[in-house]
C-alpha atoms as a PDB file:
ATOM      1  CA  MET A   1    -258.638  89.855  79.518  1.00  0.00           C
ATOM      2  CA  PRO A   2    -260.198  92.700  81.558  1.00  0.00           C
ATOM      3  CA  GLN A   3    -260.779  95.990  79.732  1.00  0.00           C
ATOM      4  CA  PHE A   4    -259.724  99.441  80.922  1.00  0.00           C
ATOM      5  CA  SER A   5    -260.401 102.978  79.678  1.00  0.00           C
ATOM      6  CA  ILE A   6    -258.258 106.112  79.518  1.00  0.00           C
ATOM      7  CA  THR A   7    -259.671 107.090  82.925  1.00  0.00           C
ATOM      8  CA  SER A   8    -259.187 103.711  84.660  1.00  0.00           C
ATOM      9  CA  GLU A   9    -257.289 103.105  87.855  1.00  0.00           C
ATOM     10  CA  ILE A  10    -256.397  99.678  89.229  1.00  0.00           C
ATOM     11  CA  ASN A  11    -256.398  99.175  92.991  1.00  0.00           C
ATOM     12  CA  VAL A  12    -253.116  97.374  93.733  1.00  0.00           C
ATOM     13  CA  ASP A  13    -254.663  95.435  96.621  1.00  0.00           C
ATOM     14  CA  THR A  14    -256.936  93.621  94.123  1.00  0.00           C
ATOM     15  CA  LEU A  15    -254.030  92.340  91.977  1.00  0.00           C
ATOM     16  CA  ARG A  16    -253.172  88.646  92.150  1.00  0.00           C
ATOM     17  CA  PRO A  17    -249.665  88.458  93.658  1.00  0.00           C
ATOM     18  CA  ASP A  18    -248.808  85.034  92.233  1.00  0.00           C
ATOM     19  CA  SER A  19    -249.405  85.733  88.521  1.00  0.00           C
ATOM     20  CA  ASN A  20    -249.438  88.320  85.759  1.00  0.00           C
ATOM     21  CA  ASN A  21    -252.495  90.567  85.608  1.00  0.00           C
ATOM     22  CA  PHE A  22    -253.378  91.438  81.980  1.00  0.00           C
ATOM     23  CA  TYR A  23    -255.483  94.403  80.819  1.00  0.00           C
ATOM     24  CA  LYS A  24    -256.565  95.700  77.414  1.00  0.00           C
ATOM     25  CA  LEU A  25    -257.457  99.327  76.595  1.00  0.00           C
ATOM     26  CA  SER A  26    -260.962  99.890  75.285  1.00  0.00           C
ATOM     27  CA  THR A  27    -261.637 103.271  73.649  1.00  0.00           C
ATOM     28  CA  VAL A  28    -264.666 104.955  72.144  1.00  0.00           C
ATOM     29  CA  SER A  29    -264.717 107.883  69.717  1.00  0.00           C
ATOM     30  CA  SER A  30    -265.191 110.397  72.553  1.00  0.00           C
ATOM     31  CA  ASP A  31    -261.951 109.142  74.170  1.00  0.00           C
ATOM     32  CA  LEU A  32    -260.031 109.691  70.931  1.00  0.00           C
ATOM     33  CA  LEU A  33    -261.565 113.162  70.568  1.00  0.00           C
ATOM     34  CA  ALA A  34    -260.615 114.021  74.167  1.00  0.00           C
ATOM     35  CA  LEU A  35    -256.991 113.011  73.491  1.00  0.00           C
ATOM     36  CA  THR A  36    -256.977 115.063  70.276  1.00  0.00           C
ATOM     37  CA  GLU A  37    -258.078 118.134  72.229  1.00  0.00           C
ATOM     38  CA  ARG A  38    -255.823 117.478  75.215  1.00  0.00           C
ATOM     39  CA  PHE A  39    -252.646 117.302  73.127  1.00  0.00           C
ATOM     40  CA  ASP A  40    -253.761 119.821  70.477  1.00  0.00           C
ATOM     41  CA  TRP A  41    -253.332 117.292  67.678  1.00  0.00           C
ATOM     42  CA  VAL A  42    -255.258 117.115  64.411  1.00  0.00           C
ATOM     43  CA  SER A  43    -256.662 113.675  65.265  1.00  0.00           C
ATOM     44  CA  VAL A  44    -256.186 110.406  67.103  1.00  0.00           C
ATOM     45  CA  ASP A  45    -257.452 107.815  64.653  1.00  0.00           C
ATOM     46  CA  HIS A  46    -256.578 104.586  66.423  1.00  0.00           C
ATOM     47  CA  LEU A  47    -255.319 103.500  69.840  1.00  0.00           C
ATOM     48  CA  GLU A  48    -254.639 100.037  71.275  1.00  0.00           C
ATOM     49  CA  CYS A  49    -252.806  99.130  74.449  1.00  0.00           C
ATOM     50  CA  GLU A  50    -252.209  95.908  76.341  1.00  0.00           C
ATOM     51  CA  LEU A  51    -250.625  95.996  79.782  1.00  0.00           C
ATOM     52  CA  CYS A  52    -249.395  93.407  82.241  1.00  0.00           C
ATOM     53  CA  ILE A  53    -249.124  94.305  85.919  1.00  0.00           C
ATOM     54  CA  ARG A  54    -247.203  92.032  88.215  1.00  0.00           C
ATOM     55  CA  VAL A  55    -246.218  92.208  91.846  1.00  0.00           C
ATOM     56  CA  VAL A  56    -242.419  92.437  92.105  1.00  0.00           C
ATOM     57  CA  THR A  57    -242.145  92.485  95.861  1.00  0.00           C
ATOM     58  CA  ARG A  58    -244.081  93.901  98.777  1.00  0.00           C
ATOM     59  CA  ASP A  59    -245.328  97.392  97.835  1.00  0.00           C
ATOM     60  CA  CYS A  60    -243.743  97.264  94.355  1.00  0.00           C
ATOM     61  CA  TRP A  61    -245.402  96.577  90.972  1.00  0.00           C
ATOM     62  CA  ASP A  62    -244.100  96.484  87.405  1.00  0.00           C
ATOM     63  CA  VAL A  63    -246.285  97.508  84.482  1.00  0.00           C
ATOM     64  CA  ILE A  64    -245.117  96.408  81.053  1.00  0.00           C
ATOM     65  CA  GLY A  65    -246.966  96.554  77.790  1.00  0.00           C
ATOM     66  CA  HIS A  66    -247.288  97.756  74.272  1.00  0.00           C
ATOM     67  CA  ILE A  67    -249.165 100.694  72.756  1.00  0.00           C
ATOM     68  CA  VAL A  68    -250.069 101.048  69.083  1.00  0.00           C
ATOM     69  CA  GLY A  69    -251.836 104.011  67.562  1.00  0.00           C
ATOM     70  CA  ARG A  70    -252.258 106.348  64.638  1.00  0.00           C
ATOM     71  CA  ILE A  71    -252.287 110.103  65.159  1.00  0.00           C
ATOM     72  CA  SER A  72    -252.092 113.245  63.038  1.00  0.00           C
ATOM     73  CA  GLN A  73    -250.302 116.394  64.154  1.00  0.00           C
ATOM     74  CA  SER A  74    -249.717 119.776  62.510  1.00  0.00           C
ATOM     75  CA  CYS A  75    -246.326 120.555  60.980  1.00  0.00           C
ATOM     76  CA  ILE A  76    -244.575 123.130  63.180  1.00  0.00           C
ATOM     77  CA  VAL A  77    -243.642 125.212  60.104  1.00  0.00           C
ATOM     78  CA  THR A  78    -246.452 124.886  57.573  1.00  0.00           C
ATOM     79  CA  GLY A  79    -249.361 123.671  59.697  1.00  0.00           C
ATOM     80  CA  ALA A  80    -249.986 120.791  57.269  1.00  0.00           C
ATOM     81  CA  PRO A  81    -251.307 117.608  58.912  1.00  0.00           C
ATOM     82  CA  ILE A  82    -248.771 114.802  59.366  1.00  0.00           C
ATOM     83  CA  ALA A  83    -249.945 111.256  60.041  1.00  0.00           C
ATOM     84  CA  GLU A  84    -247.794 109.116  62.313  1.00  0.00           C
ATOM     85  CA  ASN A  85    -247.968 105.492  63.415  1.00  0.00           C
ATOM     86  CA  ILE A  86    -247.120 104.890  67.077  1.00  0.00           C
ATOM     87  CA  ASP A  87    -245.562 101.617  68.232  1.00  0.00           C
ATOM     88  CA  PHE A  88    -244.142 101.927  71.750  1.00  0.00           C
ATOM     89  CA  GLN A  89    -243.088  99.611  74.581  1.00  0.00           C
ATOM     90  CA  ILE A  90    -244.218 100.608  78.074  1.00  0.00           C
ATOM     91  CA  GLU A  91    -242.154  99.787  81.161  1.00  0.00           C
ATOM     92  CA  GLU A  92    -242.953 101.437  84.460  1.00  0.00           C
ATOM     93  CA  ARG A  93    -242.401 100.587  88.120  1.00  0.00           C
ATOM     94  CA  TYR A  94    -244.772 101.726  90.852  1.00  0.00           C
ATOM     95  CA  VAL A  95    -244.076 101.717  94.592  1.00  0.00           C
ATOM     96  CA  ARG A  96    -246.088 102.483  97.675  1.00  0.00           C
ATOM     97  CA  THR A  97    -244.388 105.259  99.612  1.00  0.00           C
ATOM     98  CA  ALA A  98    -243.772 105.094 103.330  1.00  0.00           C
ATOM     99  CA  LYS A  99    -246.344 106.865 105.495  1.00  0.00           C
ATOM    100  CA  ASP A 100    -243.882 108.157 108.104  1.00  0.00           C
ATOM    101  CA  THR A 101    -241.230 109.959 106.071  1.00  0.00           C
ATOM    102  CA  ASP A 102    -239.433 111.180 109.234  1.00  0.00           C
ATOM    103  CA  GLN A 103    -238.065 107.706 109.822  1.00  0.00           C
ATOM    104  CA  VAL A 104    -237.762 106.337 106.299  1.00  0.00           C
ATOM    105  CA  LYS A 105    -236.321 108.156 103.314  1.00  0.00           C
ATOM    106  CA  VAL A 106    -237.882 106.957 100.087  1.00  0.00           C
ATOM    107  CA  GLY A 107    -236.037 107.623  96.840  1.00  0.00           C
ATOM    108  CA  LEU A 108    -238.395 107.681  93.878  1.00  0.00           C
ATOM    109  CA  ASP A 109    -235.858 107.855  91.055  1.00  0.00           C
ATOM    110  CA  ALA A 110    -237.118 105.923  88.035  1.00  0.00           C
ATOM    111  CA  VAL A 111    -240.309 104.796  89.779  1.00  0.00           C
ATOM    112  CA  GLU A 112    -243.818 106.177  90.108  1.00  0.00           C
ATOM    113  CA  PRO A 113    -245.579 106.451  93.456  1.00  0.00           C
ATOM    114  CA  ILE A 114    -248.875 104.657  94.068  1.00  0.00           C
ATOM    115  CA  LYS A 115    -251.585 107.276  94.634  1.00  0.00           C
ATOM    116  CA  ASN A 116    -254.577 106.424  96.813  1.00  0.00           C
ATOM    117  CA  GLY A 117    -253.685 102.741  96.586  1.00  0.00           C
ATOM    118  CA  SER A 118    -254.083 102.649  92.789  1.00  0.00           C
ATOM    119  CA  ILE A 119    -252.128 102.643  89.547  1.00  0.00           C
ATOM    120  CA  ASP A 120    -253.650 105.043  87.028  1.00  0.00           C
ATOM    121  CA  ILE A 121    -253.217 102.750  84.008  1.00  0.00           C
ATOM    122  CA  GLY A 122    -255.413 104.936  81.821  1.00  0.00           C
ATOM    123  CA  GLU A 123    -253.128 107.909  82.356  1.00  0.00           C
ATOM    124  CA  LEU A 124    -250.076 105.683  81.879  1.00  0.00           C
ATOM    125  CA  ALA A 125    -251.363 104.684  78.423  1.00  0.00           C
ATOM    126  CA  VAL A 126    -252.222 108.292  77.507  1.00  0.00           C
ATOM    127  CA  GLN A 127    -248.841 109.671  78.623  1.00  0.00           C
ATOM    128  CA  SER A 128    -247.048 106.857  76.774  1.00  0.00           C
ATOM    129  CA  LEU A 129    -248.907 107.787  73.589  1.00  0.00           C
ATOM    130  CA  PHE A 130    -247.824 111.411  74.010  1.00  0.00           C
ATOM    131  CA  LEU A 131    -244.187 110.473  74.700  1.00  0.00           C
ATOM    132  CA  ALA A 132    -244.054 108.201  71.652  1.00  0.00           C
ATOM    133  CA  ALA A 133    -245.339 110.930  69.293  1.00  0.00           C
ATOM    134  CA  THR A 134    -242.875 113.097  67.369  1.00  0.00           C
ATOM    135  CA  ALA A 135    -242.203 116.186  69.489  1.00  0.00           C
ATOM    136  CA  TRP A 136    -241.698 118.661  66.612  1.00  0.00           C
ATOM    137  CA  PRO A 137    -243.429 117.213  63.539  1.00  0.00           C
ATOM    138  CA  ARG A 138    -242.241 118.658  60.267  1.00  0.00           C
ATOM    139  CA  VAL A 139    -243.183 117.853  56.657  1.00  0.00           C
ATOM    140  CA  ASP A 140    -240.265 116.967  54.395  1.00  0.00           C
ATOM    141  CA  GLU A 141    -240.744 119.968  52.126  1.00  0.00           C
ATOM    142  CA  ALA A 142    -240.956 122.522  54.965  1.00  0.00           C
ATOM    143  CA  PRO A 143    -238.476 125.408  54.575  1.00  0.00           C
ATOM    144  CA  GLU A 144    -235.519 125.540  56.955  1.00  0.00           C
ATOM    145  CA  CYS A 145    -236.248 129.184  57.842  1.00  0.00           C
ATOM    146  CA  HIS A 146    -239.620 130.769  58.250  1.00  0.00           C
ATOM    147  CA  SER A 147    -240.473 134.416  58.832  1.00  0.00           C
ATOM    148  CA  VAL A 148    -243.731 136.285  59.139  1.00  0.00           C
ATOM    149  CA  GLY A 149    -244.138 139.796  57.726  1.00  0.00           C
ATOM    150  CA  GLU A 150    -241.382 142.227  56.812  1.00  0.00           C
ATOM    151  CA  GLN A 151    -238.005 141.786  58.476  1.00  0.00           C
ATOM    152  CA  GLU A 152    -236.244 144.964  59.563  1.00  0.00           C
ATOM    153  CA  LEU A 153    -232.579 144.883  58.575  1.00  0.00           C
ATOM    154  CA  SER A 154    -231.127 147.157  61.264  1.00  0.00           C
ATOM    155  CA  HIS A 155    -228.664 144.765  62.835  1.00  0.00           C
ATOM    156  CA  PRO A 156    -224.858 145.071  62.404  1.00  0.00           C
ATOM    157  CA  PHE A 157    -224.729 142.458  59.619  1.00  0.00           C
ATOM    158  CA  ALA A 158    -227.654 143.877  57.583  1.00  0.00           C
ATOM    159  CA  ALA A 159    -225.321 145.098  54.841  1.00  0.00           C
ATOM    160  CA  LEU A 160    -223.831 141.617  54.470  1.00  0.00           C
ATOM    161  CA  SER A 161    -227.306 140.134  54.312  1.00  0.00           C
ATOM    162  CA  ALA A 162    -228.156 142.474  51.431  1.00  0.00           C
ATOM    163  CA  LEU A 163    -225.156 141.132  49.454  1.00  0.00           C
ATOM    164  CA  LYS A 164    -226.614 137.612  49.355  1.00  0.00           C
END
């Protein structure tokens, strides 16, 4: 199975049209560090991804696969690190857009356009990892309300607040 990195692109003209084209993500520690910095996470400890690209019809390709990883993010309230296991199915459709858009209207709802004749499978894996991660991580014991510094009680309900 051919390997790809987080910066890999696959030229669609090199894909075998009569069969599934399988690829496996290969990462090194610098890739995981780059993802940690890009998404402002505490760490990316593990990342695996296997993808299958197949030709659906002329100028149309489906990419399906599975991504597994382990990341750590900061709690949005306390800042404490939270480890999370990622297990996510990837399904994406890519199409080649028409060159003369005056004559043909191309609707790209729910599909991705091919750019420079290639599918950026590295970026697809990276974006899938980000989408699968918890958007607002929060430790279980985090308080419901959080304030910083002294709160001025000059609003109309300040007297009621003092009765609590």
